[in-house]
């Protein structure tokens, strides 16, 4: 996956995510801006899980695809528990 595409995908997911804490959103954005794509993705997923935020099946599928592209499978572990149909 191309670096700019990964940045765009993470920012799109963040924009659509149910994360409302400004500090959490800022953490992910900062990591994207400094080029720490894997860490940004992991942080996004961690905030979703830690705050038990409901996500759609489509959102979860997009997280899964990006985790495969970034080779970060552990980032999405247990996020399936948050999926609401």
N, C-alpha and C. Protein backbone atom coordinates (compact mmCIF):
# COMPACT_ATOMS: atom_id res chain seq x y z
N UNK A 1 0.84 -1.18 0.00
CA UNK A 1 0.00 0.00 0.00
C UNK A 1 0.88 1.23 0.00
N UNK A 2 0.45 2.19 -0.76
CA UNK A 2 1.19 3.44 -0.85
C UNK A 2 0.96 4.30 0.41
N UNK A 3 2.02 4.96 0.83
CA UNK A 3 2.03 5.72 2.08
C UNK A 3 0.93 6.77 2.11
N UNK A 4 0.78 7.53 1.05
CA UNK A 4 -0.24 8.60 1.02
C UNK A 4 -1.65 8.02 1.08
N UNK A 5 -1.84 6.87 0.44
CA UNK A 5 -3.16 6.23 0.50
C UNK A 5 -3.46 5.78 1.93
N UNK A 6 -2.45 5.22 2.60
CA UNK A 6 -2.64 4.79 3.98
C UNK A 6 -2.97 5.98 4.87
N UNK A 7 -2.28 7.10 4.67
CA UNK A 7 -2.59 8.31 5.43
C UNK A 7 -4.04 8.72 5.20
N UNK A 8 -4.45 8.75 3.94
CA UNK A 8 -5.81 9.16 3.59
C UNK A 8 -6.84 8.21 4.20
N UNK A 9 -6.56 6.92 4.14
CA UNK A 9 -7.50 5.93 4.69
C UNK A 9 -7.66 6.08 6.19
N UNK A 10 -6.56 6.29 6.89
CA UNK A 10 -6.63 6.46 8.35
C UNK A 10 -7.39 7.73 8.69
N UNK A 11 -7.11 8.80 7.98
CA UNK A 11 -7.81 10.06 8.25
C UNK A 11 -9.31 9.94 7.95
N UNK A 12 -9.66 9.21 6.89
CA UNK A 12 -11.07 8.99 6.57
C UNK A 12 -11.75 8.18 7.66
N UNK A 13 -11.10 7.12 8.11
CA UNK A 13 -11.66 6.31 9.19
C UNK A 13 -11.81 7.13 10.46
N UNK A 14 -10.82 7.93 10.77
CA UNK A 14 -10.89 8.78 11.96
C UNK A 14 -12.07 9.74 11.84
N UNK A 15 -12.23 10.34 10.66
CA UNK A 15 -13.33 11.28 10.45
C UNK A 15 -14.70 10.66 10.62
N UNK A 16 -14.81 9.38 10.28
CA UNK A 16 -16.09 8.68 10.37
C UNK A 16 -16.25 7.91 11.68
N UNK A 17 -15.21 7.89 12.48
CA UNK A 17 -15.25 7.08 13.70
C UNK A 17 -16.12 7.74 14.78
N UNK A 18 -16.58 6.93 15.73
CA UNK A 18 -17.36 7.47 16.83
C UNK A 18 -16.50 8.08 17.94
N UNK A 19 -15.21 8.21 17.71
CA UNK A 19 -14.33 8.80 18.72
C UNK A 19 -14.64 10.28 18.84
N UNK A 20 -14.99 10.71 20.06
CA UNK A 20 -15.33 12.12 20.26
C UNK A 20 -14.29 12.86 21.10
N UNK A 21 -13.45 12.13 21.79
CA UNK A 21 -12.43 12.80 22.62
C UNK A 21 -11.44 13.53 21.72
N UNK A 22 -11.35 14.82 21.91
CA UNK A 22 -10.47 15.62 21.05
C UNK A 22 -9.00 15.20 21.21
N UNK A 23 -8.59 14.84 22.40
CA UNK A 23 -7.22 14.39 22.62
C UNK A 23 -6.90 13.12 21.87
N UNK A 24 -7.85 12.20 21.83
CA UNK A 24 -7.65 10.94 21.11
C UNK A 24 -7.56 11.20 19.61
N UNK A 25 -8.44 12.05 19.10
CA UNK A 25 -8.42 12.38 17.68
C UNK A 25 -7.10 13.08 17.32
N UNK A 26 -6.65 13.98 18.20
CA UNK A 26 -5.40 14.70 17.97
C UNK A 26 -4.21 13.74 17.96
N UNK A 27 -4.23 12.74 18.83
CA UNK A 27 -3.14 11.75 18.88
C UNK A 27 -3.00 11.04 17.53
N UNK A 28 -4.13 10.58 16.99
CA UNK A 28 -4.09 9.86 15.71
C UNK A 28 -3.62 10.79 14.60
N UNK A 29 -4.16 12.00 14.55
CA UNK A 29 -3.76 12.95 13.51
C UNK A 29 -2.27 13.25 13.57
N UNK A 30 -1.77 13.48 14.77
CA UNK A 30 -0.35 13.80 14.93
C UNK A 30 0.53 12.66 14.43
N UNK A 31 0.16 11.43 14.76
CA UNK A 31 0.94 10.27 14.30
C UNK A 31 0.91 10.16 12.78
N UNK A 32 -0.24 10.43 12.17
CA UNK A 32 -0.33 10.41 10.71
C UNK A 32 0.58 11.47 10.12
N UNK A 33 0.53 12.67 10.67
CA UNK A 33 1.30 13.78 10.12
C UNK A 33 2.81 13.57 10.22
N UNK A 34 3.26 12.86 11.26
CA UNK A 34 4.70 12.62 11.38
C UNK A 34 5.13 11.33 10.69
N UNK A 35 4.18 10.66 10.03
CA UNK A 35 4.53 9.48 9.24
C UNK A 35 4.50 8.15 9.96
N UNK A 36 3.99 8.14 11.17
CA UNK A 36 3.90 6.90 11.95
C UNK A 36 2.55 6.23 11.67
N UNK A 37 2.41 5.72 10.45
CA UNK A 37 1.15 5.19 9.98
C UNK A 37 0.68 3.98 10.80
N UNK A 38 1.56 3.03 11.03
CA UNK A 38 1.19 1.85 11.81
C UNK A 38 0.75 2.21 13.21
N UNK A 39 1.48 3.11 13.83
CA UNK A 39 1.14 3.54 15.18
C UNK A 39 -0.17 4.32 15.20
N UNK A 40 -0.40 5.13 14.17
CA UNK A 40 -1.65 5.88 14.07
C UNK A 40 -2.83 4.92 13.97
N UNK A 41 -2.69 3.89 13.14
CA UNK A 41 -3.76 2.91 12.97
C UNK A 41 -4.00 2.16 14.28
N UNK A 42 -2.94 1.75 14.93
CA UNK A 42 -3.05 1.04 16.20
C UNK A 42 -3.73 1.93 17.25
N UNK A 43 -3.37 3.19 17.28
CA UNK A 43 -3.97 4.12 18.24
C UNK A 43 -5.46 4.30 17.97
N UNK A 44 -5.82 4.44 16.71
CA UNK A 44 -7.23 4.55 16.33
C UNK A 44 -8.01 3.34 16.84
N UNK A 45 -7.50 2.15 16.55
CA UNK A 45 -8.17 0.93 16.97
C UNK A 45 -8.22 0.80 18.49
N UNK A 46 -7.14 1.20 19.15
CA UNK A 46 -7.10 1.12 20.62
C UNK A 46 -8.15 2.00 21.25
N UNK A 47 -8.31 3.21 20.74
CA UNK A 47 -9.33 4.11 21.30
C UNK A 47 -10.72 3.56 21.08
N UNK A 48 -10.98 2.98 19.93
CA UNK A 48 -12.29 2.38 19.68
C UNK A 48 -12.57 1.29 20.71
N UNK A 49 -11.58 0.43 20.93
CA UNK A 49 -11.78 -0.69 21.85
C UNK A 49 -11.85 -0.23 23.30
N UNK A 50 -10.93 0.62 23.70
CA UNK A 50 -10.88 1.05 25.10
C UNK A 50 -12.15 1.79 25.52
N UNK A 51 -12.73 2.54 24.60
CA UNK A 51 -13.95 3.29 24.91
C UNK A 51 -15.22 2.50 24.56
N UNK A 52 -15.06 1.25 24.12
CA UNK A 52 -16.19 0.39 23.75
C UNK A 52 -17.17 1.09 22.82
N UNK A 53 -16.63 1.68 21.76
CA UNK A 53 -17.45 2.45 20.83
C UNK A 53 -18.04 1.54 19.75
N UNK A 54 -19.34 1.64 19.56
CA UNK A 54 -20.03 0.82 18.56
C UNK A 54 -19.59 1.25 17.16
N UNK A 55 -19.35 0.26 16.32
CA UNK A 55 -18.98 0.52 14.92
C UNK A 55 -19.85 -0.33 14.00
N UNK A 56 -20.04 0.15 12.79
CA UNK A 56 -20.83 -0.59 11.80
C UNK A 56 -19.99 -1.73 11.22
N UNK A 57 -20.69 -2.68 10.64
CA UNK A 57 -19.99 -3.80 10.00
C UNK A 57 -19.11 -3.28 8.85
N UNK A 58 -19.61 -2.31 8.08
CA UNK A 58 -18.83 -1.73 6.99
C UNK A 58 -17.55 -1.07 7.51
N UNK A 59 -17.66 -0.31 8.59
CA UNK A 59 -16.50 0.34 9.19
C UNK A 59 -15.49 -0.70 9.64
N UNK A 60 -15.98 -1.76 10.27
CA UNK A 60 -15.12 -2.85 10.73
C UNK A 60 -14.41 -3.52 9.56
N UNK A 61 -15.13 -3.76 8.47
CA UNK A 61 -14.52 -4.37 7.29
C UNK A 61 -13.41 -3.49 6.72
N UNK A 62 -13.61 -2.19 6.72
CA UNK A 62 -12.58 -1.26 6.26
C UNK A 62 -11.37 -1.31 7.17
N UNK A 63 -11.59 -1.41 8.48
CA UNK A 63 -10.48 -1.55 9.42
C UNK A 63 -9.71 -2.84 9.14
N UNK A 64 -10.43 -3.93 8.89
CA UNK A 64 -9.78 -5.21 8.59
C UNK A 64 -8.91 -5.12 7.35
N UNK A 65 -9.44 -4.52 6.28
CA UNK A 65 -8.67 -4.39 5.03
C UNK A 65 -7.41 -3.56 5.27
N UNK A 66 -7.55 -2.46 5.98
CA UNK A 66 -6.38 -1.61 6.22
C UNK A 66 -5.37 -2.31 7.12
N UNK A 67 -5.86 -3.08 8.09
CA UNK A 67 -4.93 -3.81 8.97
C UNK A 67 -4.11 -4.81 8.16
N UNK A 68 -4.73 -5.44 7.17
CA UNK A 68 -4.00 -6.37 6.30
C UNK A 68 -2.98 -5.62 5.45
N UNK A 69 -3.39 -4.50 4.88
CA UNK A 69 -2.48 -3.70 4.05
C UNK A 69 -1.28 -3.20 4.84
N UNK A 70 -1.53 -2.83 6.09
CA UNK A 70 -0.46 -2.29 6.94
C UNK A 70 0.29 -3.37 7.71
N UNK A 71 -0.16 -4.62 7.56
CA UNK A 71 0.42 -5.74 8.31
C UNK A 71 0.37 -5.48 9.81
N UNK A 72 -0.82 -5.05 10.26
CA UNK A 72 -1.07 -4.76 11.67
C UNK A 72 -2.30 -5.55 12.15
N UNK A 73 -2.28 -6.89 12.01
CA UNK A 73 -3.48 -7.66 12.36
C UNK A 73 -3.86 -7.57 13.84
N UNK A 74 -2.88 -7.40 14.71
CA UNK A 74 -3.19 -7.35 16.13
C UNK A 74 -3.98 -6.09 16.51
N UNK A 75 -3.91 -5.06 15.68
CA UNK A 75 -4.62 -3.81 15.98
C UNK A 75 -6.13 -3.99 15.98
N UNK A 76 -6.63 -4.91 15.17
CA UNK A 76 -8.08 -5.08 15.06
C UNK A 76 -8.63 -6.25 15.87
N UNK A 77 -7.74 -6.92 16.61
CA UNK A 77 -8.20 -8.03 17.44
C UNK A 77 -9.28 -7.54 18.40
N UNK A 78 -10.35 -8.29 18.47
CA UNK A 78 -11.47 -8.04 19.38
C UNK A 78 -12.36 -6.87 18.99
N UNK A 79 -12.04 -6.16 17.91
CA UNK A 79 -12.92 -5.07 17.49
C UNK A 79 -14.24 -5.60 16.96
N UNK A 80 -14.29 -6.88 16.58
CA UNK A 80 -15.55 -7.47 16.12
C UNK A 80 -16.61 -7.43 17.22
N UNK A 81 -16.16 -7.34 18.48
CA UNK A 81 -17.09 -7.25 19.62
C UNK A 81 -17.88 -5.94 19.61
N UNK A 82 -17.39 -4.93 18.89
CA UNK A 82 -18.00 -3.61 18.88
C UNK A 82 -18.99 -3.42 17.73
N UNK A 83 -19.05 -4.40 16.82
CA UNK A 83 -19.89 -4.27 15.64
C UNK A 83 -21.37 -4.38 16.01
N UNK A 84 -22.13 -3.40 15.53
CA UNK A 84 -23.57 -3.41 15.69
C UNK A 84 -24.20 -3.59 14.32
N UNK A 85 -25.21 -4.40 14.24
CA UNK A 85 -25.85 -4.64 12.94
C UNK A 85 -27.05 -3.74 12.75
